[in-house]
Amino acid sequence: MIQLTSKVGGSTEENLGNLNHLNNFSKIDANYALALPNAENNSLELPQQDLNFKHTGTLSCRSNPCVNFGYEALEAKIQPGKGSKVNGFDSDAPKILIVDDHAASRMTAVALLAMEGYEVIEADSGSTAVELVTQKQPDLILLDVMMPGLDGFEVCQLLKQDERTRLIPIIFVTALNDRRSRIRGIEVGADDFLSKPFDRVELAARVKSLVRQKRLNEDLDHAEQVLFSIARSIESRDPNTGDHCERLVKLGKAFGEYLNLSRNQIRDLMWGGYLHDIGKVGIPDSVLLKKGKLTPEEWNIMRQHVLIGEKICQPLRSMQGVIPIIRHHHERWDGSGYPDGLIGENIPYLAQVFQIIDIYDALTSERPYKLAFSPEEALAVMQEETAKGWRNPQLMQQFEEFIRNSKQQ
């Protein structure tokens, strides 16, 4: 494993002034690799007087599994000051992970990205890259396709399937006009592609754009987490519901998979488990926590929670699939529900699905005013309500089959 960290500040023009010989890297071809024969067994022979590069070890992945190279001399000249910006970002320089089993190719990308002010980390294999992503949480990954062992496609697929790393942009490095690799890269979730030899300007532009997009996505992700936290705090206001939201998330995922819903639909169902009652944050405790029956006026206040919840989540584009669940999970098949009195298929499908799992969990959970029903008792009650016209008969039949099949497993 090789880890290399560099920080270079200042504008691109200033950096080019300090590293003027690297202007020739606008197009880097196979001749560069030939200039470094047996790079894995020799020191990197770039002119030290031009680079102000302090070399602290030999580049040998085989004999030395972890060799560090420093840029102390270069940092001393152009280290960004406190509160300054690096390449348009705050002084917390974005981290770029470069994954390539060829040392010469790695060092080419390192030199170019160091000029742009990024903190650079290296990995010489796919397995090492996966470990470093977990440890370092880079802002972007420059990933070679063809590597021994775990190749670039497998690395990308692993990272994109993991909730902790799915937001990290991945740029695949492919041979020029390698159409097959590009198609496969799209299938496993690559965010962009670069061809060898690198164009310095194109590399800098693509990296900067994707890092900025990643940080915007993180801001959105943080906003979503705030909403989830609010939803949990609302649940804690009413100790009678227990872990209602957590149970709905699990049940929504399982039933969604049973119905062969898409990944996004299942995600919306799971998010609905947390957020369906978020509007209760606007309901007074005198109504929300009242023991006994609510008056007609109090019911009108309580019913506002679906509208309040919709308004809370409306500004977030990522919540657009969840909003119909929040607003319509109290509609009824015959039109007797609220807030809009929708009838039949006019009720959004995910709201219908969510309503069924919400009612089932309420029936099978113990509350101060009732004991927990058995699955059979709960299904019997729900079938009676379906006969009254409150539920989608076909969906109710599918849910009953789902519960019975789950019990047999």
Protein backbone atom coordinates (compact mmCIF):
# COMPACT_ATOMS: atom_id res chain seq x y z
CA MET A 1 0.00 0.00 0.00
CA ILE A 2 1.23 3.44 -0.87
CA GLN A 3 -0.12 6.58 0.78
CA LEU A 4 0.99 9.94 -0.47
CA THR A 5 -0.33 13.18 0.91
CA SER A 6 0.38 16.59 -0.55
CA LYS A 7 -1.08 20.03 -0.02
CA VAL A 8 -0.41 22.89 -2.39
CA GLY A 9 -2.09 26.25 -2.06
CA GLY A 10 -2.46 29.39 -4.12
CA SER A 11 -3.92 29.88 -7.57
CA THR A 12 -3.25 27.57 -10.48
CA GLU A 13 -1.11 30.27 -12.12
CA GLU A 14 1.09 30.67 -9.05
CA ASN A 15 1.53 26.93 -8.73
CA LEU A 16 2.48 26.70 -12.38
CA GLY A 17 5.09 29.37 -11.75
CA ASN A 18 6.66 27.24 -9.03
CA LEU A 19 6.36 24.06 -11.11
CA ASN A 20 6.90 25.48 -14.58
CA HIS A 21 8.35 22.36 -16.04
CA LEU A 22 5.03 20.57 -15.52
CA ASN A 23 3.45 22.74 -18.20
CA ASN A 24 4.62 20.06 -20.57
CA PHE A 25 2.12 17.68 -18.97
CA SER A 26 -0.82 19.04 -20.95
CA LYS A 27 -0.71 15.76 -22.82
CA ILE A 28 1.08 12.86 -21.18
CA ASP A 29 1.54 9.80 -23.30
CA ALA A 30 3.19 6.45 -23.11
CA ASN A 31 6.63 8.05 -23.47
CA TYR A 32 6.37 9.29 -19.90
CA ALA A 33 5.99 5.76 -18.62
CA LEU A 34 8.95 4.68 -20.73
CA ALA A 35 11.06 7.40 -19.11
CA LEU A 36 10.65 5.60 -15.79
CA PRO A 37 11.74 2.01 -16.45
CA ASN A 38 11.18 -0.37 -13.59
CA ALA A 39 9.59 2.46 -11.59
CA GLU A 40 8.64 0.07 -8.83
CA ASN A 41 12.29 -0.66 -8.08
CA ASN A 42 13.81 2.78 -8.53
CA SER A 43 13.52 6.21 -6.97
CA LEU A 44 11.30 8.63 -8.84
CA GLU A 45 13.66 10.61 -11.07
CA LEU A 46 11.98 13.99 -11.46
CA PRO A 47 14.30 17.03 -11.25
CA GLN A 48 14.38 17.90 -7.57
CA GLN A 49 15.61 21.45 -8.21
CA ASP A 50 12.55 22.12 -10.38
CA LEU A 51 9.98 20.44 -8.17
CA ASN A 52 11.38 21.45 -4.74
CA PHE A 53 10.34 17.90 -3.95
CA LYS A 54 11.69 16.27 -0.80
CA HIS A 55 12.07 12.60 -1.46
CA THR A 56 11.86 10.50 1.69
CA GLY A 57 11.85 6.97 0.37
CA THR A 58 11.91 4.66 -2.63
CA LEU A 59 8.89 3.80 -4.70
CA SER A 60 8.66 0.08 -4.08
CA CYS A 61 5.28 -1.52 -3.49
CA ARG A 62 6.78 -4.98 -3.29
CA SER A 63 9.71 -4.49 -0.94
CA ASN A 64 8.12 -1.78 1.17
CA PRO A 65 4.32 -1.98 1.50
CA CYS A 66 3.83 1.55 2.79
CA VAL A 67 6.17 4.31 1.64
CA ASN A 68 5.43 8.00 2.28
CA PHE A 69 6.56 10.90 0.12
CA GLY A 70 6.46 14.45 1.48
CA TYR A 71 6.18 17.85 -0.13
CA GLU A 72 7.55 19.77 2.85
CA ALA A 73 9.75 22.11 0.80
CA LEU A 74 6.94 22.86 -1.60
CA GLU A 75 4.48 23.38 1.23
CA ALA A 76 6.81 25.85 2.89
CA LYS A 77 6.66 28.05 -0.22
CA ILE A 78 2.95 27.95 -0.97
CA GLN A 79 1.16 26.69 2.13
CA PRO A 80 -2.29 28.34 2.24
CA GLY A 81 -2.92 30.69 5.12
CA LYS A 82 -5.63 30.25 7.67
CA GLY A 83 -9.08 30.92 6.26
CA SER A 84 -7.78 30.91 2.68
CA LYS A 85 -9.22 28.93 -0.18
CA VAL A 86 -7.62 26.13 -2.18
CA ASN A 87 -8.83 25.70 -5.75
CA GLY A 88 -12.07 27.45 -4.89
CA PHE A 89 -12.65 25.39 -1.72
CA ASP A 90 -12.03 26.27 1.91
CA SER A 91 -8.56 25.68 3.32
CA ASP A 92 -9.74 22.18 4.23
CA ALA A 93 -8.35 20.87 0.93
CA PRO A 94 -10.43 18.16 -0.77
CA LYS A 95 -8.90 14.69 -0.59
CA ILE A 96 -8.41 12.73 -3.81
CA LEU A 97 -7.68 9.00 -3.82
CA ILE A 98 -5.71 7.79 -6.85
CA VAL A 99 -5.96 4.05 -7.47
CA ASP A 100 -3.64 2.51 -10.06
CA ASP A 101 -1.27 -0.46 -9.98
CA HIS A 102 1.21 1.40 -12.26
CA ALA A 103 3.47 3.69 -10.24
CA ALA A 104 4.24 6.01 -13.16
CA SER A 105 0.56 6.64 -13.87
CA ARG A 106 -0.13 7.34 -10.20
CA MET A 107 2.72 9.84 -9.95
CA THR A 108 1.54 11.63 -13.09
CA ALA A 109 -1.92 12.17 -11.59
CA VAL A 110 -0.40 13.06 -8.20
CA ALA A 111 1.76 15.78 -9.73
CA LEU A 112 -1.13 17.30 -11.66
CA LEU A 113 -3.58 17.26 -8.76
CA ALA A 114 -0.98 18.53 -6.28
CA MET A 115 -0.56 21.55 -8.53
CA GLU A 116 -4.28 22.22 -8.13
CA GLY A 117 -4.08 22.23 -4.33
CA TYR A 118 -5.61 18.86 -3.50
CA GLU A 119 -4.59 16.49 -0.72
CA VAL A 120 -3.65 13.31 -2.55
CA ILE A 121 -3.74 9.73 -1.30
CA GLU A 122 -2.47 6.75 -3.30
CA ALA A 123 -3.43 3.09 -3.50
CA ASP A 124 -1.74 0.49 -5.66
CA SER A 125 -4.55 -2.09 -5.65
CA GLY A 126 -8.33 -2.38 -5.44
CA SER A 127 -8.33 -4.01 -2.00
CA THR A 128 -6.07 -1.29 -0.61
CA ALA A 129 -8.36 1.35 -2.11
CA VAL A 130 -11.42 -0.06 -0.35
CA GLU A 131 -9.58 0.05 2.99
CA LEU A 132 -8.37 3.60 2.44
CA VAL A 133 -11.83 4.85 1.46
CA THR A 134 -13.17 3.64 4.81
CA GLN A 135 -10.27 5.19 6.74
CA LYS A 136 -9.79 8.47 4.88
CA GLN A 137 -13.23 9.25 3.39
CA PRO A 138 -11.87 10.97 0.24
CA ASP A 139 -13.88 13.54 -1.69
CA LEU A 140 -13.21 11.85 -5.02
CA ILE A 141 -11.63 8.67 -6.40
CA LEU A 142 -9.59 8.49 -9.60
CA LEU A 143 -9.84 4.79 -10.38
CA ASP A 144 -7.97 2.72 -12.94
CA VAL A 145 -10.07 0.05 -14.61
CA MET A 146 -7.62 -2.78 -15.21
CA MET A 147 -5.88 -3.97 -12.03
CA PRO A 148 -4.93 -7.42 -10.76
CA GLY A 149 -7.13 -8.88 -8.05
CA LEU A 150 -10.02 -6.52 -7.33
CA ASP A 151 -10.43 -4.52 -10.54
CA GLY A 152 -11.87 -1.04 -10.92
CA PHE A 153 -15.38 -2.25 -11.75
CA GLU A 154 -15.57 -4.34 -8.59
CA VAL A 155 -14.23 -1.52 -6.43
CA CYS A 156 -16.76 0.92 -7.85
CA GLN A 157 -19.66 -1.48 -7.36
CA LEU A 158 -18.69 -2.15 -3.74
CA LEU A 159 -18.43 1.55 -2.91
CA LYS A 160 -21.64 2.57 -4.66
CA GLN A 161 -23.64 -0.13 -2.85
CA ASP A 162 -22.42 1.02 0.56
CA GLU A 163 -24.51 3.82 2.12
CA ARG A 164 -21.38 5.22 3.78
CA THR A 165 -19.46 5.68 0.52
CA ARG A 166 -22.13 5.97 -2.20
CA LEU A 167 -21.79 9.76 -2.42
CA ILE A 168 -18.07 9.70 -3.24
CA PRO A 169 -17.66 10.50 -6.97
CA ILE A 170 -15.64 7.98 -8.96
CA ILE A 171 -13.82 8.86 -12.19
CA PHE A 172 -12.78 5.83 -14.22
CA VAL A 173 -9.47 6.06 -16.05
CA THR A 174 -9.73 4.09 -19.30
CA ALA A 175 -7.75 3.65 -22.49
CA LEU A 176 -8.66 6.02 -25.29
CA ASN A 177 -11.93 4.94 -27.03
CA ASP A 178 -12.39 1.98 -24.68
CA ARG A 179 -16.17 1.79 -25.27
CA ARG A 180 -16.69 -1.51 -23.49
CA SER A 181 -15.10 -0.26 -20.26
CA ARG A 182 -17.18 2.91 -20.34
CA ILE A 183 -20.43 0.98 -20.70
CA ARG A 184 -19.48 -1.38 -17.88
CA GLY A 185 -18.44 1.62 -15.78
CA ILE A 186 -21.87 3.22 -16.22
CA GLU A 187 -23.50 -0.03 -15.14
CA VAL A 188 -21.55 -0.17 -11.86
CA GLY A 189 -22.14 3.50 -11.03
CA ALA A 190 -19.15 5.50 -12.29
CA ASP A 191 -19.68 9.27 -12.23
CA ASP A 192 -17.29 10.25 -15.03
CA PHE A 193 -14.51 8.99 -17.31
CA LEU A 194 -11.05 10.15 -18.28
CA SER A 195 -8.91 8.73 -21.04
CA LYS A 196 -5.18 8.16 -20.95
CA PRO A 197 -3.12 10.18 -21.69
CA PHE A 198 -4.44 12.85 -19.28
CA ASP A 199 -5.22 16.36 -20.39
CA ARG A 200 -4.24 18.57 -17.46
CA VAL A 201 -7.02 21.13 -17.95
CA GLU A 202 -9.70 18.47 -18.43
CA LEU A 203 -8.54 16.54 -15.34
CA ALA A 204 -8.64 19.67 -13.17
CA ALA A 205 -12.07 20.71 -14.45
CA ARG A 206 -13.70 17.32 -13.99
CA VAL A 207 -12.27 16.79 -10.51
CA LYS A 208 -13.28 20.26 -9.33
CA SER A 209 -16.82 19.88 -10.67
CA LEU A 210 -17.41 16.47 -9.08
CA VAL A 211 -15.91 17.46 -5.73
CA ARG A 212 -18.24 20.46 -5.61
CA GLN A 213 -21.21 18.27 -6.52
CA LYS A 214 -20.25 15.79 -3.81
CA ARG A 215 -20.19 18.51 -1.17
CA LEU A 216 -23.60 19.76 -2.28
CA ASN A 217 -24.93 16.20 -1.99
CA GLU A 218 -23.47 15.97 1.49
CA ASP A 219 -25.26 19.18 2.48
CA LEU A 220 -28.50 17.66 1.21
CA ASP A 221 -27.78 14.44 3.08
CA HIS A 222 -27.22 16.42 6.28
CA ALA A 223 -30.55 18.20 5.79
CA GLU A 224 -32.27 14.83 5.45
CA GLN A 225 -30.65 13.62 8.65
CA VAL A 226 -31.97 16.70 10.45
CA LEU A 227 -35.50 15.78 9.36
CA PHE A 228 -35.02 12.22 10.58
CA SER A 229 -33.81 13.55 13.93
CA ILE A 230 -36.88 15.76 14.21
CA ALA A 231 -39.10 12.78 13.40
CA ARG A 232 -37.45 10.68 16.13
CA SER A 233 -37.88 13.48 18.64
CA ILE A 234 -41.59 13.65 17.79
CA GLU A 235 -41.90 9.92 18.34
CA SER A 236 -40.23 10.33 21.74
CA ARG A 237 -42.92 12.88 22.71
CA ASP A 238 -45.45 10.06 22.63
CA PRO A 239 -44.02 7.14 24.62
CA ASN A 240 -47.08 5.05 23.72
CA THR A 241 -45.80 4.32 20.21
CA GLY A 242 -42.52 2.70 21.27
CA ASP A 243 -40.24 1.98 18.30
CA HIS A 244 -43.05 2.45 15.79
CA CYS A 245 -40.90 4.25 13.21
CA GLU A 246 -38.09 1.68 13.29
CA ARG A 247 -40.57 -1.15 12.83
CA LEU A 248 -42.20 0.64 9.89
CA VAL A 249 -38.82 1.09 8.21
CA LYS A 250 -38.09 -2.65 8.41
CA LEU A 251 -41.60 -3.66 7.40
CA GLY A 252 -41.63 -1.18 4.52
CA LYS A 253 -38.38 -2.56 3.15
CA ALA A 254 -39.56 -6.17 3.41
CA PHE A 255 -43.01 -5.58 1.90
CA GLY A 256 -41.57 -3.33 -0.81
CA GLU A 257 -39.19 -6.09 -1.86
CA TYR A 258 -42.08 -8.58 -1.82
CA LEU A 259 -43.99 -6.30 -4.22
CA ASN A 260 -40.88 -5.99 -6.44
CA LEU A 261 -40.85 -2.22 -6.07
CA SER A 262 -37.93 -0.24 -7.43
CA ARG A 263 -34.98 0.72 -5.25
CA ASN A 264 -36.18 4.33 -5.06
CA GLN A 265 -39.71 3.28 -4.13
CA ILE A 266 -38.42 1.06 -1.34
CA ARG A 267 -36.25 3.93 -0.12
CA ASP A 268 -39.29 6.23 -0.09
CA LEU A 269 -41.29 3.67 1.88
CA MET A 270 -38.48 3.39 4.43
CA TRP A 271 -38.13 7.16 4.71
CA GLY A 272 -41.89 7.37 5.08
CA GLY A 273 -41.54 5.16 8.15
CA TYR A 274 -39.59 7.95 9.83
CA LEU A 275 -41.28 10.99 8.33
CA HIS A 276 -44.98 10.17 7.94
CA ASP A 277 -45.92 11.90 11.20
CA ILE A 278 -43.26 14.63 11.23
CA GLY A 279 -46.06 17.20 10.99
CA LYS A 280 -47.07 16.38 14.55
CA VAL A 281 -44.30 18.76 15.58
CA GLY A 282 -46.91 21.47 14.95
CA ILE A 283 -49.69 19.83 17.01
CA PRO A 284 -50.14 21.13 20.59
CA ASP A 285 -49.38 18.67 23.39
CA SER A 286 -52.89 19.24 24.75
CA VAL A 287 -54.20 17.53 21.59
CA LEU A 288 -51.36 15.17 20.71
CA LEU A 289 -51.01 13.70 24.20
CA LYS A 290 -54.63 13.90 25.32
CA LYS A 291 -55.92 10.79 27.07
CA GLY A 292 -59.34 9.78 25.92
CA LYS A 293 -61.37 10.76 22.89
CA LEU A 294 -60.69 13.93 20.96
CA THR A 295 -63.45 16.44 20.36
CA PRO A 296 -64.41 17.27 16.73
CA GLU A 297 -62.41 20.51 17.01
CA GLU A 298 -59.38 18.62 18.32
CA TRP A 299 -59.67 16.09 15.48
CA ASN A 300 -59.56 18.93 12.98
CA ILE A 301 -56.33 20.13 14.61
CA MET A 302 -54.84 16.61 14.63
CA ARG A 303 -55.63 16.13 10.94
CA GLN A 304 -53.48 19.13 10.10
CA HIS A 305 -50.33 17.12 10.82
CA VAL A 306 -50.27 15.68 7.29
CA LEU A 307 -50.32 19.17 5.76
CA ILE A 308 -47.70 20.46 8.19
CA GLY A 309 -45.46 17.48 7.39
CA GLU A 310 -45.82 18.11 3.67
CA LYS A 311 -44.73 21.74 4.11
CA ILE A 312 -41.70 20.73 6.18
CA CYS A 313 -40.41 18.29 3.55
CA GLN A 314 -41.48 20.18 0.42
CA PRO A 315 -38.26 22.22 -0.06
CA LEU A 316 -36.08 19.10 -0.35
CA ARG A 317 -36.10 17.63 -3.85
CA SER A 318 -35.00 14.25 -2.52
CA MET A 319 -38.24 14.07 -0.51
CA GLN A 320 -40.58 14.34 -3.48
CA GLY A 321 -41.28 10.59 -3.43
CA VAL A 322 -41.99 10.66 0.31
CA ILE A 323 -44.35 13.65 0.31
CA PRO A 324 -47.33 11.69 -1.14
CA ILE A 325 -46.92 9.20 1.72
CA ILE A 326 -46.85 12.00 4.31
CA ARG A 327 -49.90 13.78 2.90
CA HIS A 328 -52.09 10.82 1.91
CA HIS A 329 -51.45 7.96 4.35
CA HIS A 330 -54.84 8.63 5.99
CA GLU A 331 -56.89 8.52 2.76
CA ARG A 332 -59.40 5.67 2.33
CA TRP A 333 -60.23 3.63 -0.76
CA ASP A 334 -63.89 4.80 -0.68
CA GLY A 335 -62.99 8.48 -0.32
CA SER A 336 -63.86 8.82 3.37
CA GLY A 337 -60.27 9.61 4.45
CA TYR A 338 -58.38 12.88 4.75
CA PRO A 339 -57.06 15.45 3.86
CA ASP A 340 -58.33 15.32 0.25
CA GLY A 341 -60.95 12.56 0.24
CA LEU A 342 -59.22 10.79 -2.66
CA ILE A 343 -60.93 7.69 -4.07
CA GLY A 344 -59.44 4.41 -5.29
CA GLU A 345 -56.44 4.63 -7.60
CA ASN A 346 -56.35 8.41 -7.18
CA ILE A 347 -54.62 7.70 -3.88
CA PRO A 348 -50.84 7.52 -4.59
CA TYR A 349 -49.78 3.88 -4.67
CA LEU A 350 -46.97 4.21 -2.11
CA ALA A 351 -49.40 5.93 0.28
CA GLN A 352 -51.70 2.90 -0.06
CA VAL A 353 -48.83 0.51 0.63
CA PHE A 354 -47.59 2.54 3.58
CA GLN A 355 -51.06 2.86 5.11
CA ILE A 356 -51.43 -0.91 5.26
CA ILE A 357 -48.12 -1.50 7.05
CA ASP A 358 -48.82 1.45 9.37
CA ILE A 359 -52.18 0.00 10.44
CA TYR A 360 -50.76 -3.50 10.81
CA ASP A 361 -47.98 -2.29 13.10
CA ALA A 362 -50.44 -0.26 15.21
CA LEU A 363 -52.70 -3.29 15.63
CA THR A 364 -49.90 -5.74 16.50
CA SER A 365 -48.25 -3.37 19.01
CA GLU A 366 -49.26 -2.93 22.63
CA ARG A 367 -50.65 0.46 23.60
CA PRO A 368 -51.91 1.77 26.96
CA TYR A 369 -55.49 1.47 25.72
CA LYS A 370 -55.17 -2.03 24.17
CA LEU A 371 -53.19 -5.26 24.10
CA ALA A 372 -51.20 -6.27 21.03
CA PHE A 373 -53.22 -8.22 18.49
CA SER A 374 -51.83 -11.42 17.03
CA PRO A 375 -50.99 -11.31 13.28
CA GLU A 376 -54.16 -13.32 12.57
CA GLU A 377 -56.34 -10.96 14.62
CA ALA A 378 -54.78 -7.91 12.99
CA LEU A 379 -55.33 -9.29 9.48
CA ALA A 380 -58.96 -10.11 10.36
CA VAL A 381 -59.57 -6.51 11.48
CA MET A 382 -57.93 -5.16 8.32
CA GLN A 383 -60.02 -7.45 6.12
CA GLU A 384 -63.18 -6.16 7.84
CA GLU A 385 -62.09 -2.60 7.08
CA THR A 386 -61.37 -3.60 3.47
CA ALA A 387 -64.90 -4.99 3.21
CA LYS A 388 -66.17 -1.58 4.39
CA GLY A 389 -64.36 0.01 1.47
CA TRP A 390 -61.43 1.53 3.36
CA ARG A 391 -58.54 -0.38 1.73
CA ASN A 392 -57.43 -1.48 -1.72
CA PRO A 393 -58.71 -5.11 -1.86
CA GLN A 394 -55.95 -6.36 -4.17
CA LEU A 395 -53.18 -4.75 -2.12
CA MET A 396 -54.68 -6.06 1.09
CA GLN A 397 -54.68 -9.58 -0.36
CA GLN A 398 -50.99 -9.21 -1.29
CA PHE A 399 -50.16 -8.00 2.20
CA GLU A 400 -51.94 -10.94 3.82
CA GLU A 401 -49.98 -13.35 1.61
CA PHE A 402 -46.77 -11.51 2.53
CA ILE A 403 -47.44 -11.85 6.27
CA ARG A 404 -48.35 -15.52 6.01
CA ASN A 405 -45.27 -16.28 3.90
CA SER A 406 -43.07 -14.38 6.39
CA LYS A 407 -44.41 -16.47 9.27
CA GLN A 408 -43.57 -19.69 7.45
CA GLN A 409 -39.92 -18.73 6.87
